[in-house]
N, C-alpha and C. Protein backbone atom coordinates (compact mmCIF):
# COMPACT_ATOMS: atom_id res chain seq x y z
N MET A 1 18.83 7.97 -14.85
CA MET A 1 18.94 7.61 -13.27
C MET A 1 18.22 6.00 -13.71
N THR A 2 19.42 5.82 -12.71
CA THR A 2 18.14 4.15 -12.19
C THR A 2 18.57 4.22 -11.22
N THR A 3 17.43 4.11 -10.66
CA THR A 3 17.83 3.49 -9.00
C THR A 3 17.36 2.41 -8.25
N VAL A 4 17.53 1.31 -6.99
CA VAL A 4 17.60 0.23 -6.67
C VAL A 4 16.88 0.90 -5.42
N LEU A 5 15.50 -0.45 -5.78
CA LEU A 5 14.52 -0.26 -5.31
C LEU A 5 14.43 -1.59 -4.14
N SER A 6 15.26 -2.18 -3.95
CA SER A 6 15.39 -3.25 -2.69
C SER A 6 16.40 -3.91 -3.75
N ARG A 7 17.33 -5.26 -3.70
CA ARG A 7 18.01 -6.46 -3.75
C ARG A 7 17.43 -7.09 -4.33
N ASP A 8 16.35 -7.34 -5.25
CA ASP A 8 15.67 -7.99 -6.49
C ASP A 8 15.55 -6.98 -7.10
N LEU A 9 14.90 -5.46 -7.18
CA LEU A 9 13.95 -4.59 -7.99
C LEU A 9 15.02 -3.78 -7.80
N GLU A 10 14.91 -3.17 -9.66
CA GLU A 10 15.22 -1.87 -10.23
C GLU A 10 14.34 -1.01 -10.37
N ILE A 11 14.59 0.04 -10.04
CA ILE A 11 13.55 1.38 -10.79
C ILE A 11 13.98 1.89 -11.59
N ARG A 12 13.20 2.56 -12.68
CA ARG A 12 14.20 3.65 -13.88
C ARG A 12 13.03 4.05 -14.12
N PRO A 13 12.92 5.18 -15.04
CA PRO A 13 12.37 5.75 -16.22
C PRO A 13 12.06 4.86 -16.74
N ALA A 14 10.24 5.14 -17.38
CA ALA A 14 9.85 4.56 -18.18
C ALA A 14 9.84 4.43 -19.56
N ARG A 15 10.39 3.84 -20.22
CA ARG A 15 10.32 3.88 -22.03
C ARG A 15 9.49 3.70 -22.83
N ALA A 16 8.94 4.21 -23.89
CA ALA A 16 8.44 3.57 -25.18
C ALA A 16 8.27 2.60 -24.78
N ASP A 17 8.97 1.36 -24.80
CA ASP A 17 8.80 -0.15 -25.37
C ASP A 17 8.30 -0.77 -24.16
N ASP A 18 7.55 0.16 -23.04
CA ASP A 18 7.65 -0.79 -21.55
C ASP A 18 5.56 -0.83 -22.03
N ALA A 19 5.42 0.13 -22.92
CA ALA A 19 3.62 0.53 -23.21
C ALA A 19 3.53 -0.93 -22.73
N SER A 20 3.49 -2.22 -23.32
CA SER A 20 2.55 -3.29 -24.23
C SER A 20 2.88 -4.14 -22.03
N ALA A 21 3.76 -3.78 -21.68
CA ALA A 21 3.97 -4.29 -20.65
C ALA A 21 3.54 -3.80 -19.52
N MET A 22 4.00 -2.37 -19.43
CA MET A 22 2.56 -1.25 -18.50
C MET A 22 0.92 -1.48 -18.31
N ALA A 23 0.76 -1.82 -19.51
CA ALA A 23 -0.92 -2.05 -20.44
C ALA A 23 -1.21 -3.31 -19.61
N LYS A 24 -0.62 -4.10 -19.38
CA LYS A 24 -0.67 -5.76 -19.59
C LYS A 24 -0.65 -5.92 -17.22
N LEU A 25 0.21 -4.88 -16.78
CA LEU A 25 0.17 -4.48 -15.11
C LEU A 25 -1.21 -3.90 -15.15
N MET A 26 -0.99 -3.20 -15.70
CA MET A 26 -2.27 -2.58 -15.33
C MET A 26 -4.22 -3.27 -15.89
N VAL A 27 -4.33 -3.91 -16.76
CA VAL A 27 -5.33 -4.85 -17.05
C VAL A 27 -5.77 -5.86 -15.56
N ARG A 28 -3.85 -6.21 -15.15
CA ARG A 28 -3.49 -7.38 -14.49
C ARG A 28 -4.39 -6.81 -12.90
N GLY A 29 -4.02 -5.63 -13.08
CA GLY A 29 -4.07 -5.21 -11.74
C GLY A 29 -5.54 -5.07 -11.20
N ASN A 30 -6.41 -3.84 -12.65
CA ASN A 30 -7.36 -3.72 -12.77
C ASN A 30 -8.70 -5.02 -12.55
N SER A 31 -8.01 -5.95 -12.87
CA SER A 31 -8.79 -7.40 -12.99
C SER A 31 -9.25 -7.77 -11.53
N THR A 32 -8.61 -7.63 -10.61
CA THR A 32 -8.22 -7.43 -8.74
C THR A 32 -9.74 -7.24 -8.22
N TYR A 33 -10.70 -5.84 -8.78
CA TYR A 33 -11.14 -4.96 -8.84
C TYR A 33 -12.47 -6.32 -8.26
N ARG A 34 -12.54 -7.27 -9.56
CA ARG A 34 -13.32 -8.13 -9.74
C ARG A 34 -14.10 -8.41 -8.12
N ALA A 35 -13.30 -8.60 -7.22
CA ALA A 35 -13.31 -9.14 -6.00
C ALA A 35 -14.58 -7.87 -4.99
N TRP A 36 -14.73 -6.67 -5.67
CA TRP A 36 -15.44 -5.53 -5.04
C TRP A 36 -16.12 -5.41 -5.75
N ALA A 37 -16.41 -4.69 -7.33
CA ALA A 37 -16.76 -3.97 -8.16
C ALA A 37 -17.96 -5.01 -8.65
N PRO A 38 -18.73 -4.49 -9.08
CA PRO A 38 -19.82 -4.87 -9.19
C PRO A 38 -20.07 -6.78 -9.98
N ARG A 39 -21.53 -6.63 -10.34
CA ARG A 39 -20.72 -8.65 -10.78
C ARG A 39 -20.78 -8.55 -11.57
N LEU A 40 -20.86 -8.00 -13.50
CA LEU A 40 -20.65 -7.83 -14.31
C LEU A 40 -19.59 -7.21 -14.88
N TRP A 41 -19.13 -6.25 -13.85
CA TRP A 41 -18.28 -5.73 -14.28
C TRP A 41 -16.92 -5.65 -14.83
N GLN A 42 -16.37 -5.25 -16.20
CA GLN A 42 -14.89 -5.37 -16.45
C GLN A 42 -13.78 -4.68 -16.56
N PRO A 43 -12.77 -5.10 -16.93
CA PRO A 43 -11.22 -4.19 -16.69
C PRO A 43 -11.54 -3.66 -18.44
N PRO A 44 -10.92 -1.78 -18.15
CA PRO A 44 -10.58 -1.63 -19.62
C PRO A 44 -9.80 -3.55 -19.90
N ALA A 45 -10.47 -2.91 -21.53
CA ALA A 45 -9.39 -3.63 -22.61
C ALA A 45 -7.81 -3.69 -22.68
N PHE A 46 -6.92 -5.02 -22.64
CA PHE A 46 -5.49 -4.20 -23.10
C PHE A 46 -5.10 -3.38 -24.25
N GLU A 47 -5.76 -3.51 -25.40
CA GLU A 47 -5.54 -2.41 -26.71
C GLU A 47 -5.59 -1.42 -26.54
N ARG A 48 -6.60 -1.26 -25.62
CA ARG A 48 -6.98 1.12 -25.50
C ARG A 48 -5.89 1.04 -24.47
N THR A 49 -5.71 -0.09 -23.37
CA THR A 49 -4.76 0.17 -22.22
C THR A 49 -3.31 0.67 -23.33
N LYS A 50 -2.86 0.17 -24.05
CA LYS A 50 -1.83 0.06 -23.77
C LYS A 50 -2.30 1.04 -25.11
N SER A 51 -2.21 1.64 -26.19
CA SER A 51 -2.91 2.59 -26.50
C SER A 51 -2.37 3.95 -25.92
N GLN A 52 -3.13 3.90 -25.08
CA GLN A 52 -3.18 5.40 -24.26
C GLN A 52 -1.66 5.37 -22.98
N TRP A 53 -0.79 4.30 -22.44
CA TRP A 53 0.12 4.52 -22.32
C TRP A 53 1.59 5.22 -23.72
N ILE A 54 1.53 4.28 -24.84
CA ILE A 54 1.58 5.13 -26.14
C ILE A 54 1.81 6.73 -26.15
N LEU A 55 0.83 6.89 -25.87
CA LEU A 55 0.78 8.74 -26.01
C LEU A 55 1.13 9.09 -24.79
N ARG A 56 0.73 8.67 -23.15
CA ARG A 56 1.43 9.01 -22.10
C ARG A 56 3.01 9.32 -22.00
N LEU A 57 3.61 7.69 -22.83
CA LEU A 57 4.77 8.71 -22.48
C LEU A 57 5.15 9.41 -23.37
N ARG A 58 4.45 9.93 -24.04
CA ARG A 58 4.64 11.52 -24.94
C ARG A 58 5.04 12.38 -24.80
N GLU A 59 3.70 12.00 -23.35
CA GLU A 59 4.33 13.43 -22.82
C GLU A 59 4.85 14.93 -22.41
N THR A 60 5.67 15.27 -22.21
CA THR A 60 6.61 16.06 -21.80
C THR A 60 6.34 16.33 -20.41
N ASP A 61 5.55 16.31 -19.83
CA ASP A 61 5.35 16.64 -18.30
C ASP A 61 4.74 15.79 -17.38
N ARG A 62 5.24 14.65 -17.95
CA ARG A 62 4.53 13.37 -17.07
C ARG A 62 6.12 12.59 -16.34
N TRP A 63 5.37 12.13 -15.23
CA TRP A 63 7.11 11.91 -14.71
C TRP A 63 6.79 10.73 -14.41
N THR A 64 6.94 9.19 -15.31
CA THR A 64 6.63 7.47 -14.34
C THR A 64 7.63 7.44 -14.42
N ARG A 65 7.93 6.20 -13.20
CA ARG A 65 8.52 5.00 -13.33
C ARG A 65 7.71 3.60 -13.69
N VAL A 66 9.05 2.67 -14.02
CA VAL A 66 8.56 1.70 -13.82
C VAL A 66 9.64 0.29 -12.21
N VAL A 67 9.01 -0.67 -12.09
CA VAL A 67 9.57 -1.00 -11.44
C VAL A 67 10.13 -2.78 -11.71
N ILE A 68 11.34 -3.00 -12.14
CA ILE A 68 11.45 -4.39 -12.81
C ILE A 68 12.26 -5.10 -12.12
N ASP A 69 11.48 -7.17 -12.81
CA ASP A 69 12.16 -7.80 -11.44
C ASP A 69 13.46 -8.62 -11.87
N PRO A 70 14.09 -9.54 -11.39
CA PRO A 70 15.17 -9.52 -12.13
C PRO A 70 15.29 -10.20 -13.10
N ASP A 71 14.59 -10.73 -13.84
CA ASP A 71 13.54 -11.78 -15.01
C ASP A 71 13.24 -10.69 -16.09
N GLU A 72 13.18 -9.42 -15.30
CA GLU A 72 13.04 -7.94 -16.89
C GLU A 72 11.99 -8.40 -16.88
N ASN A 73 10.68 -8.66 -15.78
CA ASN A 73 9.68 -8.09 -15.86
C ASN A 73 9.44 -6.58 -15.53
N LEU A 74 8.20 -6.03 -15.48
CA LEU A 74 7.45 -4.99 -14.58
C LEU A 74 6.55 -5.41 -13.76
N VAL A 75 6.76 -4.99 -12.76
CA VAL A 75 6.07 -5.52 -12.49
C VAL A 75 5.48 -4.30 -10.89
N ALA A 76 5.95 -3.21 -11.09
CA ALA A 76 5.01 -2.03 -10.88
C ALA A 76 5.34 -1.27 -11.87
N LEU A 77 4.86 0.54 -11.36
CA LEU A 77 4.71 1.67 -12.15
C LEU A 77 3.80 2.75 -11.12
N VAL A 78 4.31 3.96 -11.47
CA VAL A 78 4.12 4.96 -9.88
C VAL A 78 3.99 6.20 -11.55
N SER A 79 2.58 7.20 -11.90
CA SER A 79 3.16 8.61 -12.87
C SER A 79 2.21 9.50 -12.50
N TRP A 80 3.06 10.56 -12.58
CA TRP A 80 1.92 11.55 -11.86
C TRP A 80 2.35 12.59 -13.25
N ARG A 81 1.65 14.05 -13.52
CA ARG A 81 1.83 14.98 -13.94
C ARG A 81 0.91 16.30 -13.97
N PRO A 82 1.58 17.00 -14.07
CA PRO A 82 0.94 18.52 -13.44
C PRO A 82 -0.92 18.32 -13.91
N ALA A 83 -1.58 18.41 -12.17
CA ALA A 83 -2.68 18.25 -12.25
C ALA A 83 -3.53 20.24 -13.30
N ARG A 84 -4.50 19.49 -13.75
CA ARG A 84 -5.18 20.41 -14.44
C ARG A 84 -6.38 20.26 -14.89
N GLU A 85 -6.99 21.87 -14.98
CA GLU A 85 -8.50 21.60 -14.31
C GLU A 85 -9.54 22.74 -15.64
N PRO A 86 -10.24 22.76 -16.32
CA PRO A 86 -11.14 21.11 -16.36
C PRO A 86 -10.81 20.15 -16.74
N GLY A 87 -10.42 19.10 -16.27
CA GLY A 87 -10.48 17.35 -16.66
C GLY A 87 -8.35 17.42 -17.23
N GLU A 88 -8.58 16.67 -18.39
CA GLU A 88 -6.98 16.05 -18.95
C GLU A 88 -6.47 17.90 -19.75
N GLU A 89 -7.55 18.30 -20.58
CA GLU A 89 -6.90 19.44 -21.44
C GLU A 89 -6.94 20.89 -20.93
N GLY A 90 -7.27 20.36 -19.69
CA GLY A 90 -6.88 22.19 -19.34
C GLY A 90 -6.14 22.83 -18.76
N VAL A 91 -6.03 23.88 -18.25
CA VAL A 91 -5.35 24.58 -18.02
C VAL A 91 -4.36 24.10 -16.34
N PRO A 92 -3.18 23.93 -16.53
CA PRO A 92 -3.02 23.55 -15.14
C PRO A 92 -2.57 24.22 -14.41
N VAL A 93 -2.97 23.78 -13.10
CA VAL A 93 -3.58 24.60 -11.48
C VAL A 93 -1.67 24.71 -10.45
N GLN A 94 -1.52 25.60 -10.58
CA GLN A 94 -0.11 26.01 -9.93
C GLN A 94 0.11 25.34 -8.90
N GLY A 95 0.64 24.37 -8.56
CA GLY A 95 1.49 24.14 -7.21
C GLY A 95 0.66 22.55 -7.32
N VAL A 96 -0.10 22.46 -8.17
CA VAL A 96 -0.88 20.88 -7.81
C VAL A 96 -0.21 20.10 -8.46
N SER A 97 -0.13 18.65 -8.55
CA SER A 97 0.16 18.03 -9.31
C SER A 97 -0.69 16.33 -9.09
N TYR A 98 -0.39 15.74 -9.57
CA TYR A 98 -1.54 14.61 -9.98
C TYR A 98 -1.53 13.54 -10.60
N VAL A 99 -1.24 12.14 -9.19
CA VAL A 99 -0.88 10.34 -9.55
C VAL A 99 -2.46 10.50 -10.21
N SER A 100 -1.91 10.25 -12.19
CA SER A 100 -2.58 9.45 -12.35
C SER A 100 -2.94 7.56 -12.21
N HIS A 101 -1.52 6.98 -11.99
CA HIS A 101 -1.18 5.32 -12.12
C HIS A 101 -0.38 5.18 -10.76
N LEU A 102 -0.78 4.28 -10.07
CA LEU A 102 0.38 3.43 -9.21
C LEU A 102 -0.06 2.15 -8.92
N TYR A 103 0.55 1.14 -10.03
CA TYR A 103 -0.05 0.34 -9.96
C TYR A 103 0.79 -1.55 -8.68
N VAL A 104 0.84 -2.14 -8.29
CA VAL A 104 2.09 -3.12 -8.53
C VAL A 104 1.58 -4.31 -8.48
N GLU A 105 2.24 -4.87 -8.86
CA GLU A 105 2.05 -6.71 -9.33
C GLU A 105 1.75 -7.08 -8.12
N ALA A 106 0.28 -7.92 -7.94
CA ALA A 106 -0.25 -8.33 -7.21
C ALA A 106 0.51 -9.16 -5.35
N SER A 107 0.86 -10.09 -6.67
CA SER A 107 1.95 -11.29 -5.99
C SER A 107 2.88 -10.39 -5.26
N ARG A 108 3.28 -9.06 -5.38
CA ARG A 108 3.69 -8.64 -4.09
C ARG A 108 3.33 -7.29 -3.46
N TRP A 109 2.17 -7.55 -3.61
CA TRP A 109 1.18 -6.39 -2.43
C TRP A 109 1.63 -6.55 -1.36
N GLY A 110 2.33 -5.55 -1.03
CA GLY A 110 2.48 -5.68 0.94
C GLY A 110 3.73 -5.39 1.06
N ASN A 111 4.91 -5.85 -0.34
CA ASN A 111 6.25 -5.78 0.47
C ASN A 111 6.84 -4.00 0.52
N GLY A 112 6.17 -3.41 0.39
CA GLY A 112 6.16 -1.51 0.92
C GLY A 112 7.06 -1.36 -0.68
N ILE A 113 6.49 -1.72 -2.51
CA ILE A 113 6.52 -0.91 -3.26
C ILE A 113 6.19 -0.22 -3.66
N ALA A 114 4.79 0.08 -3.42
CA ALA A 114 3.29 0.45 -3.65
C ALA A 114 4.47 2.11 -2.79
N SER A 115 4.51 1.67 -1.66
CA SER A 115 4.36 3.34 -0.68
C SER A 115 5.77 3.17 -0.81
N GLY A 116 6.37 2.78 -0.93
CA GLY A 116 8.15 3.50 -1.40
C GLY A 116 8.65 4.08 -3.05
N LEU A 117 7.34 4.25 -4.27
CA LEU A 117 7.43 3.99 -5.20
C LEU A 117 6.52 5.82 -5.43
N LEU A 118 4.94 5.83 -4.87
CA LEU A 118 4.52 6.46 -4.21
C LEU A 118 5.66 8.21 -3.20
N GLU A 119 6.64 7.26 -1.82
CA GLU A 119 7.61 8.47 -1.63
C GLU A 119 8.43 9.17 -2.88
N LEU A 120 8.49 8.52 -3.73
CA LEU A 120 10.06 8.81 -4.75
C LEU A 120 9.24 9.96 -5.47
N ALA A 121 7.45 9.47 -5.95
CA ALA A 121 7.08 10.19 -6.60
C ALA A 121 6.93 12.06 -5.73
N GLU A 122 6.51 11.41 -4.49
CA GLU A 122 6.06 12.57 -4.04
C GLU A 122 7.25 13.36 -4.23
N SER A 123 8.73 12.99 -3.22
CA SER A 123 10.07 13.53 -3.55
C SER A 123 10.29 14.15 -4.62
N ALA A 124 9.58 13.53 -5.95
CA ALA A 124 9.73 14.15 -7.71
C ALA A 124 9.49 15.60 -7.71
N MET A 125 8.14 15.45 -6.82
CA MET A 125 7.57 16.74 -6.76
C MET A 125 7.39 17.46 -6.21
N THR A 126 8.33 17.83 -5.57
CA THR A 126 8.65 18.74 -4.18
C THR A 126 9.99 19.25 -4.64
N ALA A 127 10.70 17.99 -5.46
CA ALA A 127 11.90 18.88 -5.90
C ALA A 127 11.90 19.97 -7.43
N ILE A 128 10.52 19.77 -7.29
CA ILE A 128 10.41 20.69 -9.03
C ILE A 128 9.31 22.20 -8.31
N ASP A 129 8.71 22.24 -6.47
CA ASP A 129 7.80 23.07 -6.13
C ASP A 129 6.59 22.62 -6.20
N PHE A 130 6.31 21.63 -6.57
CA PHE A 130 4.75 20.98 -5.77
C PHE A 130 4.48 21.57 -4.44
N VAL A 131 2.92 22.04 -3.98
CA VAL A 131 2.78 21.87 -2.50
C VAL A 131 1.82 20.72 -3.11
N ARG A 132 1.03 20.46 -3.57
CA ARG A 132 0.17 19.65 -3.19
C ARG A 132 -0.79 18.96 -4.88
N ALA A 133 -0.38 17.27 -3.62
CA ALA A 133 -1.26 16.65 -4.74
C ALA A 133 -2.66 15.61 -4.83
N ILE A 134 -2.80 15.15 -6.09
CA ILE A 134 -4.38 14.41 -6.13
C ILE A 134 -4.15 13.73 -6.91
N LEU A 135 -5.28 13.03 -6.88
CA LEU A 135 -5.34 11.20 -6.27
C LEU A 135 -6.54 11.20 -6.98
N TRP A 136 -7.06 9.81 -8.00
CA TRP A 136 -9.03 9.72 -8.15
C TRP A 136 -8.76 7.85 -7.67
N THR A 137 -9.05 7.58 -6.93
CA THR A 137 -9.40 5.78 -6.49
C THR A 137 -10.75 5.79 -6.57
N PRO A 138 -11.23 4.88 -7.08
CA PRO A 138 -12.52 4.36 -7.10
C PRO A 138 -13.13 3.47 -5.76
N ALA A 139 -13.90 4.58 -5.26
CA ALA A 139 -15.32 4.21 -4.66
C ALA A 139 -14.94 3.21 -3.42
N GLY A 140 -14.62 2.02 -3.64
CA GLY A 140 -15.12 0.53 -3.40
C GLY A 140 -13.63 -0.02 -3.30
N ALA A 141 -12.66 0.66 -3.93
CA ALA A 141 -11.38 -0.03 -3.70
C ALA A 141 -10.66 -0.54 -2.17
N PRO A 142 -9.96 -1.08 -2.27
CA PRO A 142 -9.15 -1.50 -0.28
C PRO A 142 -7.88 -0.25 -0.54
N ALA A 143 -7.90 0.37 -1.67
CA ALA A 143 -6.63 0.85 -2.26
C ALA A 143 -6.94 2.65 -1.31
N ARG A 144 -7.80 2.67 -0.61
CA ARG A 144 -8.01 3.41 -0.40
C ARG A 144 -7.52 3.94 1.09
N ASN A 145 -7.23 2.67 1.76
CA ASN A 145 -6.71 2.23 2.84
C ASN A 145 -5.06 2.45 2.86
N PHE A 146 -4.79 1.70 1.82
CA PHE A 146 -3.61 2.09 1.58
C PHE A 146 -3.14 3.84 1.59
N TYR A 147 -4.11 4.30 0.31
CA TYR A 147 -3.41 5.88 0.24
C TYR A 147 -3.05 6.45 1.72
N GLU A 148 -4.57 6.71 2.76
CA GLU A 148 -5.12 6.88 4.10
C GLU A 148 -3.71 7.08 4.87
N ARG A 149 -3.25 5.70 4.83
CA ARG A 149 -1.64 5.24 5.74
C ARG A 149 -0.16 5.85 4.95
N CYS A 150 -0.56 6.07 3.86
CA CYS A 150 0.49 7.36 3.47
C CYS A 150 0.43 8.63 3.56
N GLY A 151 -0.61 8.90 4.28
CA GLY A 151 -1.20 10.31 4.61
C GLY A 151 -2.08 10.99 3.50
N TRP A 152 -2.24 10.25 2.72
CA TRP A 152 -3.40 11.15 1.57
C TRP A 152 -5.20 11.07 2.89
N ARG A 153 -5.78 12.11 2.40
CA ARG A 153 -7.34 11.89 2.77
C ARG A 153 -8.32 12.97 1.71
N LEU A 154 -9.42 11.73 1.79
CA LEU A 154 -10.76 11.93 1.05
C LEU A 154 -10.75 14.03 0.90
N ASP A 155 -11.17 14.17 -0.19
CA ASP A 155 -10.75 15.85 -0.40
C ASP A 155 -12.00 16.45 -0.73
N GLY A 156 -13.09 15.70 -0.86
CA GLY A 156 -14.43 15.41 -1.68
C GLY A 156 -14.66 15.26 -2.94
N ARG A 157 -14.09 15.38 -4.03
CA ARG A 157 -14.43 15.10 -4.63
C ARG A 157 -14.99 13.93 -5.37
N GLU A 158 -16.04 13.97 -6.05
CA GLU A 158 -16.72 13.00 -6.71
C GLU A 158 -16.37 12.35 -7.92
N ARG A 159 -16.67 11.97 -8.26
CA ARG A 159 -17.47 11.50 -10.33
C ARG A 159 -16.97 10.24 -10.42
N TRP A 160 -17.79 9.80 -11.83
CA TRP A 160 -17.90 8.78 -12.89
C TRP A 160 -16.87 8.23 -13.27
N SER A 161 -16.26 7.43 -13.30
CA SER A 161 -14.93 7.24 -14.63
C SER A 161 -15.89 6.43 -15.44
N THR A 162 -15.21 7.29 -16.70
CA THR A 162 -16.49 6.94 -18.44
C THR A 162 -14.77 5.15 -18.59
N GLU A 163 -13.42 5.34 -18.14
CA GLU A 163 -12.90 4.67 -18.27
C GLU A 163 -12.60 3.24 -17.35
N LEU A 164 -13.08 3.39 -16.34
CA LEU A 164 -13.76 2.29 -15.56
C LEU A 164 -14.55 1.82 -15.50
N HIS A 165 -15.98 2.71 -15.24
CA HIS A 165 -17.01 2.61 -14.87
C HIS A 165 -17.98 2.50 -14.06
N LEU A 166 -16.98 3.25 -12.59
CA LEU A 166 -16.55 2.82 -11.39
C LEU A 166 -16.84 4.29 -11.35
N PRO A 167 -17.64 4.52 -9.96
CA PRO A 167 -17.54 5.20 -9.20
C PRO A 167 -16.22 5.81 -8.41
N MET A 168 -15.73 7.39 -8.15
CA MET A 168 -14.27 7.71 -7.93
C MET A 168 -14.76 8.28 -7.04
N VAL A 169 -13.96 8.18 -5.74
CA VAL A 169 -13.51 9.39 -4.76
C VAL A 169 -11.95 10.00 -5.74
N GLY A 170 -11.97 11.57 -5.06
CA GLY A 170 -10.80 12.60 -4.82
C GLY A 170 -10.08 11.88 -3.38
N TYR A 171 -8.53 12.15 -3.80
CA TYR A 171 -7.58 12.42 -2.06
C TYR A 171 -6.93 13.19 -2.74
N GLU A 172 -6.39 13.93 -1.80
CA GLU A 172 -4.75 14.97 -1.37
C GLU A 172 -4.03 15.09 -0.36
N LYS A 173 -3.03 15.58 -0.76
CA LYS A 173 -1.56 15.02 0.19
C LYS A 173 -1.00 16.30 0.17
N HIS A 174 -1.61 17.23 0.71
CA HIS A 174 -0.33 18.62 1.09
C HIS A 174 1.65 17.86 1.95
N LEU A 175 1.78 18.34 0.62
CA LEU A 175 3.56 18.25 0.01
C LEU A 175 4.47 18.74 0.79
């Protein structure tokens, strides 16, 4: 099913052939972290990110949507799956979903795309009986303000991201 996000954007389920464009968007998005990350910090590499998306898009319990502009460019994505304890390969946590990715092309920030995608993801979660959602974001990220405006709250979790090489904080939202 395809959903229209705005007059010039379309949202649809991600496909296997989107992995490269999704990885490029993530690398560009992560590159914006240089504005607040430690001086010599570098975002994860494109090839690794692409390989991860190839695998993620094969997961049967993952829900992923992409936003496409009129020129067929992928300009945003959101992805979630059931939360697992402990870590990526653990046992699913009953009633809890995990928002693993939310990226919007920087030139389109402030246009409601991220909040629209997050609302769509939250609706999909509640439609299959999830009652709480969690996510991680870098401790220094301006995105924290965005999540708080969308009703997410710090939940006390903290960890080091071996992928991003940054400290992370956990957020939750009761759905």
